[in-house]
Amino acid sequence: MKYKCAFSGSGGQGAGMIAKLICLACIKDEKQVVMTQTYGIEQRGGDSTGYVVLSDEVIGSPIVESDADIGVALSESVYQNAVEGMKPGGKLFINSSLIEIQSERHGIKQIAIPASELAQEIGDIRVANIILLGAIIGKTKMLKPASIISAIEEILGKKKPALLEINIAALNKGLEIADQEAVYE
């Protein structure tokens, strides 16, 4: 099993947090993992992408370049690059609350999830990224949900215990809706 992933959004939307949580969950599941990140030049609000490669075997190259198996587009500004960064057969999870699917790229699945709307229903727009993470885990089974929950507890439990419960609720919401959302091929 090997996945190349690219999680993209505008600064503050949590693309990097998705990458960090997956990395920590991989360590807990005793998988091989590497992560890199890119940021825009803006101090705030610039586009950012967290790249993760995870595998059961040693990873030869940490580079994810137009060959992502799994992708996330949290905002309109990163959408087109996210589409172009997918390999044939890849799955791109899209925050359809903020992005209207415009690109038809044959060979990839674009999975539309109204993550921002669902996050508001849960009580905090900031957990839209975690809803998408739950949908990824639910659809791909790449990691155990318990490992992601443990990673959330480890990262947020110390720094932001008040956010712990809502993030776990968001993950569970994503797991719940993983197979219910619109898919465009």
C-alpha atoms as a PDB file:
ATOM      1  CA  MET A   1       0.000   0.000   0.000  1.00  0.00           C
ATOM      2  CA  LYS A   2       1.341   3.422  -0.974  1.00  0.00           C
ATOM      3  CA  TYR A   3      -0.424   6.778  -1.186  1.00  0.00           C
ATOM      4  CA  LYS A   4       0.883  10.106  -2.430  1.00  0.00           C
ATOM      5  CA  CYS A   5      -1.215  12.947  -1.046  1.00  0.00           C
ATOM      6  CA  ALA A   6      -1.508  16.711  -1.588  1.00  0.00           C
ATOM      7  CA  PHE A   7      -3.662  18.759   0.808  1.00  0.00           C
ATOM      8  CA  SER A   8      -4.186  22.351  -0.374  1.00  0.00           C
ATOM      9  CA  GLY A   9      -5.940  25.422   0.977  1.00  0.00           C
ATOM     10  CA  SER A  10      -5.545  29.045   1.863  1.00  0.00           C
ATOM     11  CA  GLY A  11      -3.518  29.890   4.951  1.00  0.00           C
ATOM     12  CA  GLY A  12      -5.441  29.089   8.122  1.00  0.00           C
ATOM     13  CA  GLN A  13      -7.766  26.494   6.563  1.00  0.00           C
ATOM     14  CA  GLY A  14      -5.818  23.577   7.997  1.00  0.00           C
ATOM     15  CA  ALA A  15      -4.251  21.882   4.964  1.00  0.00           C
ATOM     16  CA  GLY A  16      -1.014  21.520   6.924  1.00  0.00           C
ATOM     17  CA  MET A  17      -2.921  20.157   9.915  1.00  0.00           C
ATOM     18  CA  ILE A  18      -4.392  17.377   7.759  1.00  0.00           C
ATOM     19  CA  ALA A  19      -0.848  16.446   6.686  1.00  0.00           C
ATOM     20  CA  LYS A  20       0.464  16.500  10.275  1.00  0.00           C
ATOM     21  CA  LEU A  21      -2.396  14.357  11.576  1.00  0.00           C
ATOM     22  CA  ILE A  22      -1.893  11.778   8.828  1.00  0.00           C
ATOM     23  CA  CYS A  23       1.849  11.673   9.570  1.00  0.00           C
ATOM     24  CA  LEU A  24       1.316  11.114  13.275  1.00  0.00           C
ATOM     25  CA  ALA A  25      -1.359   8.470  12.603  1.00  0.00           C
ATOM     26  CA  CYS A  26       1.068   6.688  10.234  1.00  0.00           C
ATOM     27  CA  ILE A  27       3.660   6.554  12.994  1.00  0.00           C
ATOM     28  CA  LYS A  28       1.051   5.099  15.345  1.00  0.00           C
ATOM     29  CA  ASP A  29       0.112   2.514  12.673  1.00  0.00           C
ATOM     30  CA  GLU A  30       3.832   1.723  12.124  1.00  0.00           C
ATOM     31  CA  LYS A  31       3.788   2.867   8.501  1.00  0.00           C
ATOM     32  CA  GLN A  32       6.519   4.697   6.615  1.00  0.00           C
ATOM     33  CA  VAL A  33       5.740   8.393   6.067  1.00  0.00           C
ATOM     34  CA  VAL A  34       7.349  11.604   4.801  1.00  0.00           C
ATOM     35  CA  MET A  35       5.887  15.102   4.693  1.00  0.00           C
ATOM     36  CA  THR A  36       6.792  18.393   3.048  1.00  0.00           C
ATOM     37  CA  GLN A  37       4.932  21.703   2.856  1.00  0.00           C
ATOM     38  CA  THR A  38       4.845  24.736   0.599  1.00  0.00           C
ATOM     39  CA  TYR A  39       3.553  28.197   1.445  1.00  0.00           C
ATOM     40  CA  GLY A  40       2.735  31.302  -0.561  1.00  0.00           C
ATOM     41  CA  ILE A  41       4.784  34.435   0.010  1.00  0.00           C
ATOM     42  CA  GLU A  42       1.947  36.200   1.840  1.00  0.00           C
ATOM     43  CA  GLN A  43       2.163  36.397   5.613  1.00  0.00           C
ATOM     44  CA  ARG A  44      -1.506  35.504   5.963  1.00  0.00           C
ATOM     45  CA  GLY A  45      -4.058  33.943   3.669  1.00  0.00           C
ATOM     46  CA  GLY A  46      -1.609  32.693   1.045  1.00  0.00           C
ATOM     47  CA  ASP A  47      -2.029  29.280  -0.483  1.00  0.00           C
ATOM     48  CA  SER A  48      -0.353  26.340   1.215  1.00  0.00           C
ATOM     49  CA  THR A  49      -0.040  22.642   0.486  1.00  0.00           C
ATOM     50  CA  GLY A  50       0.991  19.758   2.708  1.00  0.00           C
ATOM     51  CA  TYR A  51       2.445  16.801   0.811  1.00  0.00           C
ATOM     52  CA  VAL A  52       2.495  13.347   2.392  1.00  0.00           C
ATOM     53  CA  VAL A  53       3.738  10.013   1.082  1.00  0.00           C
ATOM     54  CA  LEU A  54       2.771   7.000   3.186  1.00  0.00           C
ATOM     55  CA  SER A  55       3.596   3.369   2.584  1.00  0.00           C
ATOM     56  CA  ASP A  56       4.056  -0.046   4.124  1.00  0.00           C
ATOM     57  CA  GLU A  57       7.540  -0.102   2.583  1.00  0.00           C
ATOM     58  CA  VAL A  58      10.537   2.243   2.570  1.00  0.00           C
ATOM     59  CA  ILE A  59       9.777   5.441   0.651  1.00  0.00           C
ATOM     60  CA  GLY A  60      12.342   6.199  -2.038  1.00  0.00           C
ATOM     61  CA  SER A  61      11.223   9.731  -2.874  1.00  0.00           C
ATOM     62  CA  PRO A  62       9.094  12.191  -0.906  1.00  0.00           C
ATOM     63  CA  ILE A  63       8.142  14.122  -4.035  1.00  0.00           C
ATOM     64  CA  VAL A  64       4.484  14.463  -5.011  1.00  0.00           C
ATOM     65  CA  GLU A  65       4.490  16.083  -8.440  1.00  0.00           C
ATOM     66  CA  SER A  66       1.344  15.831 -10.562  1.00  0.00           C
ATOM     67  CA  ASP A  67       0.859  12.267  -9.351  1.00  0.00           C
ATOM     68  CA  ALA A  68      -1.191  12.502  -6.158  1.00  0.00           C
ATOM     69  CA  ASP A  69      -3.430   9.539  -5.370  1.00  0.00           C
ATOM     70  CA  ILE A  70      -5.372  11.575  -2.804  1.00  0.00           C
ATOM     71  CA  GLY A  71      -5.909  15.329  -2.819  1.00  0.00           C
ATOM     72  CA  VAL A  72      -7.822  18.013  -0.953  1.00  0.00           C
ATOM     73  CA  ALA A  73      -8.908  21.421  -2.222  1.00  0.00           C
ATOM     74  CA  LEU A  74     -10.179  23.582   0.630  1.00  0.00           C
ATOM     75  CA  SER A  75     -10.534  26.847  -1.336  1.00  0.00           C
ATOM     76  CA  GLU A  76     -11.220  28.136  -4.839  1.00  0.00           C
ATOM     77  CA  SER A  77      -7.718  29.597  -5.165  1.00  0.00           C
ATOM     78  CA  VAL A  78      -6.065  26.153  -4.990  1.00  0.00           C
ATOM     79  CA  TYR A  79      -8.668  24.161  -6.907  1.00  0.00           C
ATOM     80  CA  GLN A  80      -7.213  24.229 -10.428  1.00  0.00           C
ATOM     81  CA  ASN A  81      -3.700  23.344  -9.235  1.00  0.00           C
ATOM     82  CA  ALA A  82      -5.160  20.544  -7.123  1.00  0.00           C
ATOM     83  CA  VAL A  83      -6.953  19.088 -10.154  1.00  0.00           C
ATOM     84  CA  GLU A  84      -3.780  19.291 -12.231  1.00  0.00           C
ATOM     85  CA  GLY A  85      -1.760  17.645  -9.450  1.00  0.00           C
ATOM     86  CA  MET A  86      -3.777  14.431  -9.493  1.00  0.00           C
ATOM     87  CA  LYS A  87      -2.754  11.246 -11.260  1.00  0.00           C
ATOM     88  CA  PRO A  88      -5.244   9.209 -13.298  1.00  0.00           C
ATOM     89  CA  GLY A  89      -7.379   7.205 -10.895  1.00  0.00           C
ATOM     90  CA  GLY A  90      -6.784   9.703  -8.072  1.00  0.00           C
ATOM     91  CA  LYS A  91      -9.443  11.023  -5.703  1.00  0.00           C
ATOM     92  CA  LEU A  92      -9.737  14.780  -5.090  1.00  0.00           C
ATOM     93  CA  PHE A  93     -11.852  15.742  -2.059  1.00  0.00           C
ATOM     94  CA  ILE A  94     -13.345  19.200  -2.584  1.00  0.00           C
ATOM     95  CA  ASN A  95     -14.904  21.614  -0.097  1.00  0.00           C
ATOM     96  CA  SER A  96     -17.993  22.235  -2.225  1.00  0.00           C
ATOM     97  CA  SER A  97     -19.168  24.930   0.204  1.00  0.00           C
ATOM     98  CA  LEU A  98     -16.461  27.174  -1.267  1.00  0.00           C
ATOM     99  CA  ILE A  99     -15.658  25.584  -4.633  1.00  0.00           C
ATOM    100  CA  GLU A 100     -17.831  25.013  -7.667  1.00  0.00           C
ATOM    101  CA  ILE A 101     -16.495  22.067  -9.633  1.00  0.00           C
ATOM    102  CA  GLN A 102     -15.486  23.495 -12.989  1.00  0.00           C
ATOM    103  CA  SER A 103     -12.742  21.257 -14.259  1.00  0.00           C
ATOM    104  CA  GLU A 104     -13.498  18.008 -15.928  1.00  0.00           C
ATOM    105  CA  ARG A 105     -10.414  15.928 -15.915  1.00  0.00           C
ATOM    106  CA  HIS A 106     -11.134  12.453 -17.075  1.00  0.00           C
ATOM    107  CA  GLY A 107      -9.601   9.733 -15.015  1.00  0.00           C
ATOM    108  CA  ILE A 108      -9.836  11.409 -11.601  1.00  0.00           C
ATOM    109  CA  LYS A 109     -12.708  11.373  -9.145  1.00  0.00           C
ATOM    110  CA  GLN A 110     -13.736  14.724  -7.705  1.00  0.00           C
ATOM    111  CA  ILE A 111     -15.620  14.128  -4.471  1.00  0.00           C
ATOM    112  CA  ALA A 112     -17.730  17.136  -3.482  1.00  0.00           C
ATOM    113  CA  ILE A 113     -18.331  17.538   0.245  1.00  0.00           C
ATOM    114  CA  PRO A 114     -19.932  20.702   1.717  1.00  0.00           C
ATOM    115  CA  ALA A 115     -17.334  20.706   4.495  1.00  0.00           C
ATOM    116  CA  SER A 116     -17.742  24.341   5.581  1.00  0.00           C
ATOM    117  CA  GLU A 117     -21.519  23.980   5.888  1.00  0.00           C
ATOM    118  CA  LEU A 118     -21.167  20.742   7.849  1.00  0.00           C
ATOM    119  CA  ALA A 119     -18.538  22.369  10.081  1.00  0.00           C
ATOM    120  CA  GLN A 120     -20.925  25.238  10.865  1.00  0.00           C
ATOM    121  CA  GLU A 121     -23.626  22.714  11.767  1.00  0.00           C
ATOM    122  CA  ILE A 122     -21.175  21.040  14.153  1.00  0.00           C
ATOM    123  CA  GLY A 123     -20.371  24.437  15.669  1.00  0.00           C
ATOM    124  CA  ASP A 124     -17.065  25.713  14.236  1.00  0.00           C
ATOM    125  CA  ILE A 125     -16.146  26.509  10.619  1.00  0.00           C
ATOM    126  CA  ARG A 126     -12.499  25.776  11.439  1.00  0.00           C
ATOM    127  CA  VAL A 127     -13.105  22.006  11.430  1.00  0.00           C
ATOM    128  CA  ALA A 128     -14.000  21.792   7.718  1.00  0.00           C
ATOM    129  CA  ASN A 129     -10.545  20.321   7.097  1.00  0.00           C
ATOM    130  CA  ILE A 130     -11.129  17.552   9.642  1.00  0.00           C
ATOM    131  CA  ILE A 131     -14.461  16.649   8.016  1.00  0.00           C
ATOM    132  CA  LEU A 132     -12.595  16.155   4.728  1.00  0.00           C
ATOM    133  CA  LEU A 133      -9.932  14.125   6.549  1.00  0.00           C
ATOM    134  CA  GLY A 134     -12.667  11.857   7.935  1.00  0.00           C
ATOM    135  CA  ALA A 135     -14.126  11.417   4.450  1.00  0.00           C
ATOM    136  CA  ILE A 136     -10.678  10.477   3.105  1.00  0.00           C
ATOM    137  CA  ILE A 137     -10.146   7.889   5.840  1.00  0.00           C
ATOM    138  CA  GLY A 138     -13.681   6.541   5.386  1.00  0.00           C
ATOM    139  CA  LYS A 139     -13.390   6.228   1.614  1.00  0.00           C
ATOM    140  CA  THR A 140      -9.795   4.967   1.300  1.00  0.00           C
ATOM    141  CA  LYS A 141      -9.299   3.022   4.562  1.00  0.00           C
ATOM    142  CA  MET A 142      -5.634   4.142   4.345  1.00  0.00           C
ATOM    143  CA  LEU A 143      -5.417   4.460   8.137  1.00  0.00           C
ATOM    144  CA  LYS A 144      -7.397   3.340  11.151  1.00  0.00           C
ATOM    145  CA  PRO A 145      -9.846   5.981  12.423  1.00  0.00           C
ATOM    146  CA  ALA A 146      -8.592   5.252  15.959  1.00  0.00           C
ATOM    147  CA  SER A 147      -5.073   6.287  14.908  1.00  0.00           C
ATOM    148  CA  ILE A 148      -6.356   9.617  13.558  1.00  0.00           C
ATOM    149  CA  ILE A 149      -8.332  10.202  16.773  1.00  0.00           C
ATOM    150  CA  SER A 150      -5.205   9.445  18.794  1.00  0.00           C
ATOM    151  CA  ALA A 151      -3.243  11.922  16.638  1.00  0.00           C
ATOM    152  CA  ILE A 152      -5.911  14.607  17.172  1.00  0.00           C
ATOM    153  CA  GLU A 153      -5.759  13.982  20.923  1.00  0.00           C
ATOM    154  CA  GLU A 154      -1.971  14.218  20.929  1.00  0.00           C
ATOM    155  CA  ILE A 155      -1.760  17.417  18.882  1.00  0.00           C
ATOM    156  CA  LEU A 156      -4.789  19.309  20.201  1.00  0.00           C
ATOM    157  CA  GLY A 157      -5.193  17.787  23.644  1.00  0.00           C
ATOM    158  CA  LYS A 158      -2.195  19.637  25.065  1.00  0.00           C
ATOM    159  CA  LYS A 159      -2.421  22.973  23.265  1.00  0.00           C
ATOM    160  CA  LYS A 160      -6.132  23.390  22.683  1.00  0.00           C
ATOM    161  CA  PRO A 161      -8.205  20.993  24.781  1.00  0.00           C
ATOM    162  CA  ALA A 162     -11.371  22.994  24.052  1.00  0.00           C
ATOM    163  CA  LEU A 163     -11.056  22.112  20.358  1.00  0.00           C
ATOM    164  CA  LEU A 164     -10.519  18.409  20.965  1.00  0.00           C
ATOM    165  CA  GLU A 165     -14.180  17.386  21.212  1.00  0.00           C
ATOM    166  CA  ILE A 166     -15.315  19.351  18.154  1.00  0.00           C
ATOM    167  CA  ASN A 167     -12.452  18.002  16.022  1.00  0.00           C
ATOM    168  CA  ILE A 168     -13.325  14.423  16.942  1.00  0.00           C
ATOM    169  CA  ALA A 169     -16.980  15.175  16.112  1.00  0.00           C
ATOM    170  CA  ALA A 170     -15.849  16.580  12.741  1.00  0.00           C
ATOM    171  CA  LEU A 171     -13.762  13.482  12.005  1.00  0.00           C
ATOM    172  CA  ASN A 172     -16.734  11.262  12.834  1.00  0.00           C
ATOM    173  CA  LYS A 173     -18.981  13.364  10.559  1.00  0.00           C
ATOM    174  CA  GLY A 174     -16.502  12.891   7.697  1.00  0.00           C
ATOM    175  CA  LEU A 175     -16.355   9.140   8.315  1.00  0.00           C
ATOM    176  CA  GLU A 176     -20.169   9.035   8.345  1.00  0.00           C
ATOM    177  CA  ILE A 177     -20.614  10.848   5.017  1.00  0.00           C
ATOM    178  CA  ALA A 178     -17.655   9.288   3.187  1.00  0.00           C
ATOM    179  CA  ASP A 179     -19.808   7.332   0.768  1.00  0.00           C
ATOM    180  CA  GLN A 180     -22.777   9.704   0.565  1.00  0.00           C
ATOM    181  CA  GLU A 181     -21.376  12.673  -1.340  1.00  0.00           C
ATOM    182  CA  ALA A 182     -21.447  13.576  -5.035  1.00  0.00           C
ATOM    183  CA  VAL A 183     -18.676  12.142  -7.191  1.00  0.00           C
ATOM    184  CA  TYR A 184     -17.715  13.676 -10.538  1.00  0.00           C
ATOM    185  CA  GLU A 185     -15.522  11.744 -12.966  1.00  0.00           C
END
